[in-house]
Amino acid sequence: MTIVSIGRTNGDPILEDVVRVLRRCLDQAGSFKSILRPGWRILIKPNVGVAAPPESARNTAPNVVEPTILLLHEAGAGELIIGESSVVGQDTMEPFH
């Protein structure tokens, strides 16, 4: 079974707004706590493969990565690693700036 949950914030949300919406979406899907074991090493692949502004919707919005990390820590995750690879011809670190 596939579960999809969609949430929305208004305007330019602050961290707490994004955490609240992500928590609600995760609760609908079963939460991080239901799928991870305490201490697990987690790879976060945020999908930022090209240098483009967040409003272009080509990459994951930067203000979603930090709340995801906070919620994973809250659920008991161990080491968190952010891994990414850019599209051919792009500098992988450029989209992170």
C-alpha atoms as a PDB file:
ATOM      1  CA  MET A   1       0.000   0.000   0.000  1.00  0.00           C
ATOM      2  CA  THR A   2       1.229   3.496  -0.855  1.00  0.00           C
ATOM      3  CA  ILE A   3       0.281   6.385   1.384  1.00  0.00           C
ATOM      4  CA  VAL A   4       0.581   9.966   0.204  1.00  0.00           C
ATOM      5  CA  SER A   5       0.007  12.990   2.388  1.00  0.00           C
ATOM      6  CA  ILE A   6       0.074  16.551   1.129  1.00  0.00           C
ATOM      7  CA  GLY A   7       0.342  19.669   3.252  1.00  0.00           C
ATOM      8  CA  ARG A   8       0.547  23.361   2.578  1.00  0.00           C
ATOM      9  CA  THR A   9       1.864  26.398   4.376  1.00  0.00           C
ATOM     10  CA  ASN A  10       0.963  29.992   3.680  1.00  0.00           C
ATOM     11  CA  GLY A  11       3.356  32.481   2.126  1.00  0.00           C
ATOM     12  CA  ASP A  12       6.946  32.295   3.311  1.00  0.00           C
ATOM     13  CA  PRO A  13       6.626  29.978   6.319  1.00  0.00           C
ATOM     14  CA  ILE A  14       8.873  30.011   9.364  1.00  0.00           C
ATOM     15  CA  LEU A  15      10.480  26.808  10.643  1.00  0.00           C
ATOM     16  CA  GLU A  16       7.691  26.088  13.141  1.00  0.00           C
ATOM     17  CA  ASP A  17       5.039  26.285  10.381  1.00  0.00           C
ATOM     18  CA  VAL A  18       6.864  23.740   8.229  1.00  0.00           C
ATOM     19  CA  VAL A  19       7.449  21.428  11.221  1.00  0.00           C
ATOM     20  CA  ARG A  20       3.732  21.576  12.062  1.00  0.00           C
ATOM     21  CA  VAL A  21       2.663  20.737   8.487  1.00  0.00           C
ATOM     22  CA  LEU A  22       5.260  17.965   8.107  1.00  0.00           C
ATOM     23  CA  ARG A  23       4.237  16.467  11.456  1.00  0.00           C
ATOM     24  CA  ARG A  24       0.578  16.461  10.357  1.00  0.00           C
ATOM     25  CA  CYS A  25       1.482  14.808   7.034  1.00  0.00           C
ATOM     26  CA  LEU A  26       3.659  12.218   8.741  1.00  0.00           C
ATOM     27  CA  ASP A  27       0.948  11.459  11.305  1.00  0.00           C
ATOM     28  CA  GLN A  28      -1.450  10.745   8.436  1.00  0.00           C
ATOM     29  CA  ALA A  29       1.125   8.435   6.857  1.00  0.00           C
ATOM     30  CA  GLY A  30       2.112   6.702  10.098  1.00  0.00           C
ATOM     31  CA  SER A  31       4.981   8.918  11.414  1.00  0.00           C
ATOM     32  CA  PHE A  32       8.750   8.423  11.338  1.00  0.00           C
ATOM     33  CA  LYS A  33       8.554   6.594  14.674  1.00  0.00           C
ATOM     34  CA  SER A  34       6.540   3.800  13.077  1.00  0.00           C
ATOM     35  CA  ILE A  35       9.168   3.057  10.430  1.00  0.00           C
ATOM     36  CA  LEU A  36      12.585   3.748  11.926  1.00  0.00           C
ATOM     37  CA  ARG A  37      14.472   2.088  14.731  1.00  0.00           C
ATOM     38  CA  PRO A  38      16.214   4.199  17.382  1.00  0.00           C
ATOM     39  CA  GLY A  39      19.773   4.978  16.424  1.00  0.00           C
ATOM     40  CA  TRP A  40      19.448   4.197  12.724  1.00  0.00           C
ATOM     41  CA  ARG A  41      21.773   6.025  10.360  1.00  0.00           C
ATOM     42  CA  ILE A  42      19.576   7.877   7.856  1.00  0.00           C
ATOM     43  CA  LEU A  43      20.481   9.222   4.428  1.00  0.00           C
ATOM     44  CA  ILE A  44      18.480  12.283   3.404  1.00  0.00           C
ATOM     45  CA  LYS A  45      18.487  12.879  -0.347  1.00  0.00           C
ATOM     46  CA  PRO A  46      16.839  16.300  -0.700  1.00  0.00           C
ATOM     47  CA  ASN A  47      16.663  16.518  -4.516  1.00  0.00           C
ATOM     48  CA  VAL A  48      18.672  19.669  -5.137  1.00  0.00           C
ATOM     49  CA  GLY A  49      20.388  18.619  -8.349  1.00  0.00           C
ATOM     50  CA  VAL A  50      20.360  21.947 -10.178  1.00  0.00           C
ATOM     51  CA  ALA A  51      21.027  25.548  -9.225  1.00  0.00           C
ATOM     52  CA  ALA A  52      17.524  27.030  -9.261  1.00  0.00           C
ATOM     53  CA  PRO A  53      15.521  29.224  -6.884  1.00  0.00           C
ATOM     54  CA  PRO A  54      13.021  27.455  -4.583  1.00  0.00           C
ATOM     55  CA  GLU A  55      10.037  29.032  -6.345  1.00  0.00           C
ATOM     56  CA  SER A  56      11.025  27.235  -9.581  1.00  0.00           C
ATOM     57  CA  ALA A  57       9.922  23.922  -7.973  1.00  0.00           C
ATOM     58  CA  ARG A  58      12.901  22.177  -9.588  1.00  0.00           C
ATOM     59  CA  ASN A  59      14.433  21.291  -6.210  1.00  0.00           C
ATOM     60  CA  THR A  60      13.154  20.488  -2.753  1.00  0.00           C
ATOM     61  CA  ALA A  61      12.504  23.769  -0.955  1.00  0.00           C
ATOM     62  CA  PRO A  62      15.384  24.468   1.457  1.00  0.00           C
ATOM     63  CA  ASN A  63      12.975  25.207   4.300  1.00  0.00           C
ATOM     64  CA  VAL A  64      11.794  21.557   4.220  1.00  0.00           C
ATOM     65  CA  VAL A  65      15.196  19.968   4.898  1.00  0.00           C
ATOM     66  CA  GLU A  66      15.758  21.404   8.399  1.00  0.00           C
ATOM     67  CA  PRO A  67      12.287  20.444   9.704  1.00  0.00           C
ATOM     68  CA  THR A  68      12.782  16.936   8.297  1.00  0.00           C
ATOM     69  CA  ILE A  69      16.043  16.674  10.241  1.00  0.00           C
ATOM     70  CA  LEU A  70      14.335  17.923  13.422  1.00  0.00           C
ATOM     71  CA  LEU A  71      11.523  15.375  13.092  1.00  0.00           C
ATOM     72  CA  LEU A  72      13.960  12.516  12.399  1.00  0.00           C
ATOM     73  CA  HIS A  73      15.926  13.424  15.546  1.00  0.00           C
ATOM     74  CA  GLU A  74      12.665  13.623  17.483  1.00  0.00           C
ATOM     75  CA  ALA A  75      11.787  10.108  16.272  1.00  0.00           C
ATOM     76  CA  GLY A  76      15.102   8.730  17.547  1.00  0.00           C
ATOM     77  CA  ALA A  77      17.257   8.647  14.422  1.00  0.00           C
ATOM     78  CA  GLY A  78      20.995   8.363  14.934  1.00  0.00           C
ATOM     79  CA  GLU A  79      23.464   9.815  12.468  1.00  0.00           C
ATOM     80  CA  LEU A  80      21.882  11.843   9.669  1.00  0.00           C
ATOM     81  CA  ILE A  81      23.706  12.176   6.368  1.00  0.00           C
ATOM     82  CA  ILE A  82      22.687  14.486   3.537  1.00  0.00           C
ATOM     83  CA  GLY A  83      23.647  13.028   0.165  1.00  0.00           C
ATOM     84  CA  GLU A  84      23.150  14.587  -3.222  1.00  0.00           C
ATOM     85  CA  SER A  85      24.478  14.443  -6.736  1.00  0.00           C
ATOM     86  CA  SER A  86      23.853  17.135  -9.295  1.00  0.00           C
ATOM     87  CA  VAL A  87      22.769  16.645 -12.861  1.00  0.00           C
ATOM     88  CA  VAL A  88      25.543  16.287 -15.432  1.00  0.00           C
ATOM     89  CA  GLY A  89      27.457  19.518 -15.886  1.00  0.00           C
ATOM     90  CA  GLN A  90      26.366  21.093 -12.581  1.00  0.00           C
ATOM     91  CA  ASP A  91      28.456  21.682  -9.453  1.00  0.00           C
ATOM     92  CA  THR A  92      26.770  19.576  -6.748  1.00  0.00           C
ATOM     93  CA  MET A  93      27.439  22.168  -4.021  1.00  0.00           C
ATOM     94  CA  GLU A  94      26.095  25.158  -5.984  1.00  0.00           C
ATOM     95  CA  PRO A  95      22.386  24.440  -5.318  1.00  0.00           C
ATOM     96  CA  PHE A  96      23.110  24.345  -1.566  1.00  0.00           C
ATOM     97  CA  HIS A  97      24.279  27.985  -1.514  1.00  0.00           C
END
